[in-house]
Amino acid sequence: MANKRQLRSLRVGMPKDYIWNGKEVKSGIGKTEIQEVLLTKEGFIGDGVANPEFHGGPERAVCLYPFEHYEKWEKEFSATLKMPAFGENITVSGMCENEVYIGDIYKLEEAVIQVSQGRIPCSTISKHNGIEQLMKRVVETGFTGYFFRVLKEGMLIKNQR
């Protein structure tokens, strides 16, 4: 049976200040759902990162997290995770880490993107979701999501193929 890919969530956001463990931290993990956006070589218009050493840039222009993993984490931690729990720009079903390879190319509306690298998650994931062991488990399972570079810029409209 063919793998059915579906865009479940499209999100962007600029870095904001959060209070975690009594400390003020700037992070771009929180994002707002949108219906359409221009994707450029640097990423989605309206999206930003707080730590450019580890996030963003042309080799990490788009962050994807597989939709299927949400159910696993919700069961494991008996918690509801609100997208984008992992700071992803796009949440997609049918594109788990074992189904894609670095170098794979996909058409995303007018844009063309290429898997550029796996993702090394940071502790912000645990803090943002209030689940201390979440980042540790993400790393242990390899359910980290991954990044894309943009080969061709273009508009992306949710609910289109």
C-alpha atoms as a PDB file:
ATOM      1  CA  MET A   1       0.000   0.000   0.000  1.00  0.00           C
ATOM      2  CA  ALA A   2       1.332   3.441  -0.894  1.00  0.00           C
ATOM      3  CA  ASN A   3       2.389   5.778   1.864  1.00  0.00           C
ATOM      4  CA  LYS A   4      -0.176   8.585   2.248  1.00  0.00           C
ATOM      5  CA  ARG A   5       1.461  11.829   3.303  1.00  0.00           C
ATOM      6  CA  GLN A   6      -0.701  14.523   4.847  1.00  0.00           C
ATOM      7  CA  LEU A   7       0.207  17.968   6.147  1.00  0.00           C
ATOM      8  CA  ARG A   8      -1.432  18.124   9.579  1.00  0.00           C
ATOM      9  CA  SER A   9      -0.084  21.449  10.817  1.00  0.00           C
ATOM     10  CA  LEU A  10       1.707  24.466   9.343  1.00  0.00           C
ATOM     11  CA  ARG A  11       3.199  26.869  11.898  1.00  0.00           C
ATOM     12  CA  VAL A  12       5.516  29.839  12.231  1.00  0.00           C
ATOM     13  CA  GLY A  13       6.555  32.049  15.119  1.00  0.00           C
ATOM     14  CA  MET A  14       9.121  34.542  16.269  1.00  0.00           C
ATOM     15  CA  PRO A  15      11.163  33.967  19.434  1.00  0.00           C
ATOM     16  CA  LYS A  16       9.431  34.833  22.701  1.00  0.00           C
ATOM     17  CA  ASP A  17      10.455  35.039  26.335  1.00  0.00           C
ATOM     18  CA  TYR A  18       9.472  32.109  28.549  1.00  0.00           C
ATOM     19  CA  ILE A  19       9.983  31.427  32.245  1.00  0.00           C
ATOM     20  CA  TRP A  20      11.265  27.889  32.793  1.00  0.00           C
ATOM     21  CA  ASN A  21      12.635  26.674  36.116  1.00  0.00           C
ATOM     22  CA  GLY A  22      12.558  30.252  37.387  1.00  0.00           C
ATOM     23  CA  LYS A  23      14.732  31.564  34.542  1.00  0.00           C
ATOM     24  CA  GLU A  24      13.774  33.788  31.628  1.00  0.00           C
ATOM     25  CA  VAL A  25      14.659  32.099  28.339  1.00  0.00           C
ATOM     26  CA  LYS A  26      14.124  33.295  24.760  1.00  0.00           C
ATOM     27  CA  SER A  27      12.953  30.514  22.434  1.00  0.00           C
ATOM     28  CA  GLY A  28      11.348  30.069  19.037  1.00  0.00           C
ATOM     29  CA  ILE A  29       9.624  26.797  20.014  1.00  0.00           C
ATOM     30  CA  GLY A  30       6.149  28.352  20.270  1.00  0.00           C
ATOM     31  CA  LYS A  31       4.533  28.766  16.883  1.00  0.00           C
ATOM     32  CA  THR A  32       1.110  29.793  15.581  1.00  0.00           C
ATOM     33  CA  GLU A  33      -0.897  27.806  13.057  1.00  0.00           C
ATOM     34  CA  ILE A  34      -1.264  29.511   9.700  1.00  0.00           C
ATOM     35  CA  GLN A  35      -2.998  28.618   6.448  1.00  0.00           C
ATOM     36  CA  GLU A  36      -0.505  29.965   3.915  1.00  0.00           C
ATOM     37  CA  VAL A  37       3.044  31.246   3.891  1.00  0.00           C
ATOM     38  CA  LEU A  38       5.981  31.930   1.607  1.00  0.00           C
ATOM     39  CA  LEU A  39       8.859  29.490   2.012  1.00  0.00           C
ATOM     40  CA  THR A  40      12.267  31.007   1.215  1.00  0.00           C
ATOM     41  CA  LYS A  41      15.783  29.540   1.243  1.00  0.00           C
ATOM     42  CA  GLU A  42      16.114  30.762   4.858  1.00  0.00           C
ATOM     43  CA  GLY A  43      12.767  29.347   5.986  1.00  0.00           C
ATOM     44  CA  PHE A  44       9.169  30.450   6.316  1.00  0.00           C
ATOM     45  CA  ILE A  45       8.382  34.174   6.315  1.00  0.00           C
ATOM     46  CA  GLY A  46       7.312  35.062   9.861  1.00  0.00           C
ATOM     47  CA  ASP A  47       9.377  32.311  11.491  1.00  0.00           C
ATOM     48  CA  GLY A  48      12.467  32.933  13.571  1.00  0.00           C
ATOM     49  CA  VAL A  49      14.931  31.291  15.930  1.00  0.00           C
ATOM     50  CA  ALA A  50      16.461  32.407  19.214  1.00  0.00           C
ATOM     51  CA  ASN A  51      19.718  30.479  18.873  1.00  0.00           C
ATOM     52  CA  PRO A  52      20.995  30.548  15.274  1.00  0.00           C
ATOM     53  CA  GLU A  53      24.014  28.422  16.188  1.00  0.00           C
ATOM     54  CA  PHE A  54      21.725  25.395  16.530  1.00  0.00           C
ATOM     55  CA  HIS A  55      18.516  26.409  14.755  1.00  0.00           C
ATOM     56  CA  GLY A  56      17.514  27.891  11.400  1.00  0.00           C
ATOM     57  CA  GLY A  57      19.609  28.856   8.410  1.00  0.00           C
ATOM     58  CA  PRO A  58      19.537  27.394   4.905  1.00  0.00           C
ATOM     59  CA  GLU A  59      20.396  23.832   6.002  1.00  0.00           C
ATOM     60  CA  ARG A  60      17.648  23.885   8.656  1.00  0.00           C
ATOM     61  CA  ALA A  61      15.083  26.045   6.875  1.00  0.00           C
ATOM     62  CA  VAL A  62      12.125  23.755   7.630  1.00  0.00           C
ATOM     63  CA  CYS A  63      11.650  21.562  10.695  1.00  0.00           C
ATOM     64  CA  LEU A  64       9.311  18.563  10.367  1.00  0.00           C
ATOM     65  CA  TYR A  65       7.990  16.373  13.170  1.00  0.00           C
ATOM     66  CA  PRO A  66       6.027  13.217  12.314  1.00  0.00           C
ATOM     67  CA  PHE A  67       2.381  13.288  13.406  1.00  0.00           C
ATOM     68  CA  GLU A  68       2.453   9.590  14.350  1.00  0.00           C
ATOM     69  CA  HIS A  69       4.800  10.245  17.271  1.00  0.00           C
ATOM     70  CA  TYR A  70       2.309  12.476  19.089  1.00  0.00           C
ATOM     71  CA  GLU A  71       0.103   9.495  19.994  1.00  0.00           C
ATOM     72  CA  LYS A  72       3.116   7.526  21.247  1.00  0.00           C
ATOM     73  CA  TRP A  73       4.275  10.334  23.540  1.00  0.00           C
ATOM     74  CA  GLU A  74       0.769  11.086  24.781  1.00  0.00           C
ATOM     75  CA  LYS A  75       0.321   7.429  25.780  1.00  0.00           C
ATOM     76  CA  GLU A  76       3.777   7.118  27.323  1.00  0.00           C
ATOM     77  CA  PHE A  77       3.464  10.265  29.430  1.00  0.00           C
ATOM     78  CA  SER A  78      -0.338  10.285  29.923  1.00  0.00           C
ATOM     79  CA  ALA A  79      -0.366  13.856  28.683  1.00  0.00           C
ATOM     80  CA  THR A  80      -1.875  15.826  25.832  1.00  0.00           C
ATOM     81  CA  LEU A  81       0.730  17.467  23.623  1.00  0.00           C
ATOM     82  CA  LYS A  82      -0.337  20.567  21.702  1.00  0.00           C
ATOM     83  CA  MET A  83       1.235  21.049  18.292  1.00  0.00           C
ATOM     84  CA  PRO A  84       3.929  22.164  17.789  1.00  0.00           C
ATOM     85  CA  ALA A  85       5.136  20.399  20.929  1.00  0.00           C
ATOM     86  CA  PHE A  86       8.524  19.900  19.289  1.00  0.00           C
ATOM     87  CA  GLY A  87       8.884  23.363  17.738  1.00  0.00           C
ATOM     88  CA  GLU A  88       8.290  22.067  14.234  1.00  0.00           C
ATOM     89  CA  ASN A  89       7.088  24.157  11.319  1.00  0.00           C
ATOM     90  CA  ILE A  90       5.231  21.282   9.721  1.00  0.00           C
ATOM     91  CA  THR A  91       3.645  18.221  11.254  1.00  0.00           C
ATOM     92  CA  VAL A  92       3.115  15.537   8.629  1.00  0.00           C
ATOM     93  CA  SER A  93       1.716  12.013   8.707  1.00  0.00           C
ATOM     94  CA  GLY A  94       3.343   9.340   6.574  1.00  0.00           C
ATOM     95  CA  MET A  95       6.882  10.705   6.895  1.00  0.00           C
ATOM     96  CA  CYS A  96       8.451   9.043   9.935  1.00  0.00           C
ATOM     97  CA  GLU A  97      12.223   8.990  10.282  1.00  0.00           C
ATOM     98  CA  ASN A  98      12.442   5.409   8.981  1.00  0.00           C
ATOM     99  CA  GLU A  99      10.551   6.422   5.816  1.00  0.00           C
ATOM    100  CA  VAL A 100      12.816   9.251   4.631  1.00  0.00           C
ATOM    101  CA  TYR A 101      16.495   9.641   3.854  1.00  0.00           C
ATOM    102  CA  ILE A 102      18.913  12.547   3.740  1.00  0.00           C
ATOM    103  CA  GLY A 103      18.814  13.804   0.169  1.00  0.00           C
ATOM    104  CA  ASP A 104      15.152  12.884  -0.464  1.00  0.00           C
ATOM    105  CA  ILE A 105      13.366  15.634  -2.395  1.00  0.00           C
ATOM    106  CA  TYR A 106       9.705  16.600  -1.984  1.00  0.00           C
ATOM    107  CA  LYS A 107       7.412  19.083  -3.697  1.00  0.00           C
ATOM    108  CA  LEU A 108       5.576  21.228  -1.185  1.00  0.00           C
ATOM    109  CA  GLU A 109       3.065  23.226  -3.227  1.00  0.00           C
ATOM    110  CA  GLU A 110       5.193  25.658  -5.275  1.00  0.00           C
ATOM    111  CA  ALA A 111       8.319  24.949  -3.215  1.00  0.00           C
ATOM    112  CA  VAL A 112      10.779  22.066  -3.512  1.00  0.00           C
ATOM    113  CA  ILE A 113      12.525  20.882  -0.339  1.00  0.00           C
ATOM    114  CA  GLN A 114      15.258  18.335   0.387  1.00  0.00           C
ATOM    115  CA  VAL A 115      15.938  16.431   3.608  1.00  0.00           C
ATOM    116  CA  SER A 116      19.209  17.950   4.824  1.00  0.00           C
ATOM    117  CA  GLN A 117      19.846  16.472   8.263  1.00  0.00           C
ATOM    118  CA  GLY A 118      18.410  14.744  11.267  1.00  0.00           C
ATOM    119  CA  ARG A 119      17.507  16.797  14.268  1.00  0.00           C
ATOM    120  CA  ILE A 120      19.332  16.897  17.564  1.00  0.00           C
ATOM    121  CA  PRO A 121      16.665  18.009  20.025  1.00  0.00           C
ATOM    122  CA  CYS A 122      17.404  20.338  22.923  1.00  0.00           C
ATOM    123  CA  SER A 123      16.063  20.505  26.470  1.00  0.00           C
ATOM    124  CA  THR A 124      13.599  23.201  25.407  1.00  0.00           C
ATOM    125  CA  ILE A 125      11.280  20.372  24.302  1.00  0.00           C
ATOM    126  CA  SER A 126      10.974  19.074  27.875  1.00  0.00           C
ATOM    127  CA  LYS A 127      10.607  22.553  29.362  1.00  0.00           C
ATOM    128  CA  HIS A 128       8.019  23.695  26.805  1.00  0.00           C
ATOM    129  CA  ASN A 129       5.854  20.625  27.405  1.00  0.00           C
ATOM    130  CA  GLY A 130       6.434  20.332  31.161  1.00  0.00           C
ATOM    131  CA  ILE A 131       7.584  16.704  30.791  1.00  0.00           C
ATOM    132  CA  GLU A 132      11.046  16.278  32.287  1.00  0.00           C
ATOM    133  CA  GLN A 133      11.890  12.995  30.521  1.00  0.00           C
ATOM    134  CA  LEU A 134      10.515  13.908  27.084  1.00  0.00           C
ATOM    135  CA  MET A 135      13.760  15.044  25.445  1.00  0.00           C
ATOM    136  CA  LYS A 136      15.619  12.024  26.850  1.00  0.00           C
ATOM    137  CA  ARG A 137      13.010   9.665  25.391  1.00  0.00           C
ATOM    138  CA  VAL A 138      12.963  11.485  22.039  1.00  0.00           C
ATOM    139  CA  VAL A 139      16.716  10.946  21.767  1.00  0.00           C
ATOM    140  CA  GLU A 140      16.527   7.298  22.935  1.00  0.00           C
ATOM    141  CA  THR A 141      13.863   6.393  20.371  1.00  0.00           C
ATOM    142  CA  GLY A 142      15.277   8.433  17.499  1.00  0.00           C
ATOM    143  CA  PHE A 143      11.858  10.087  17.078  1.00  0.00           C
ATOM    144  CA  THR A 144      13.539  13.457  16.643  1.00  0.00           C
ATOM    145  CA  GLY A 145      12.117  14.812  13.412  1.00  0.00           C
ATOM    146  CA  TYR A 146      14.399  16.279  10.776  1.00  0.00           C
ATOM    147  CA  PHE A 147      15.280  19.339   8.720  1.00  0.00           C
ATOM    148  CA  PHE A 148      14.977  20.407   5.091  1.00  0.00           C
ATOM    149  CA  ARG A 149      16.839  22.826   2.868  1.00  0.00           C
ATOM    150  CA  VAL A 150      14.806  24.715   0.253  1.00  0.00           C
ATOM    151  CA  LEU A 151      15.746  24.001  -3.365  1.00  0.00           C
ATOM    152  CA  LYS A 152      12.970  26.160  -4.841  1.00  0.00           C
ATOM    153  CA  GLU A 153      11.113  28.897  -2.998  1.00  0.00           C
ATOM    154  CA  GLY A 154       7.336  29.124  -3.175  1.00  0.00           C
ATOM    155  CA  MET A 155       3.971  29.572  -1.491  1.00  0.00           C
ATOM    156  CA  LEU A 156       2.567  26.865   0.746  1.00  0.00           C
ATOM    157  CA  ILE A 157      -1.168  26.662   1.393  1.00  0.00           C
ATOM    158  CA  LYS A 158      -2.450  24.200   3.992  1.00  0.00           C
ATOM    159  CA  ASN A 159      -5.145  21.762   2.845  1.00  0.00           C
ATOM    160  CA  GLN A 160      -3.687  21.500  -0.642  1.00  0.00           C
ATOM    161  CA  ARG A 161      -1.573  18.545  -1.755  1.00  0.00           C
END
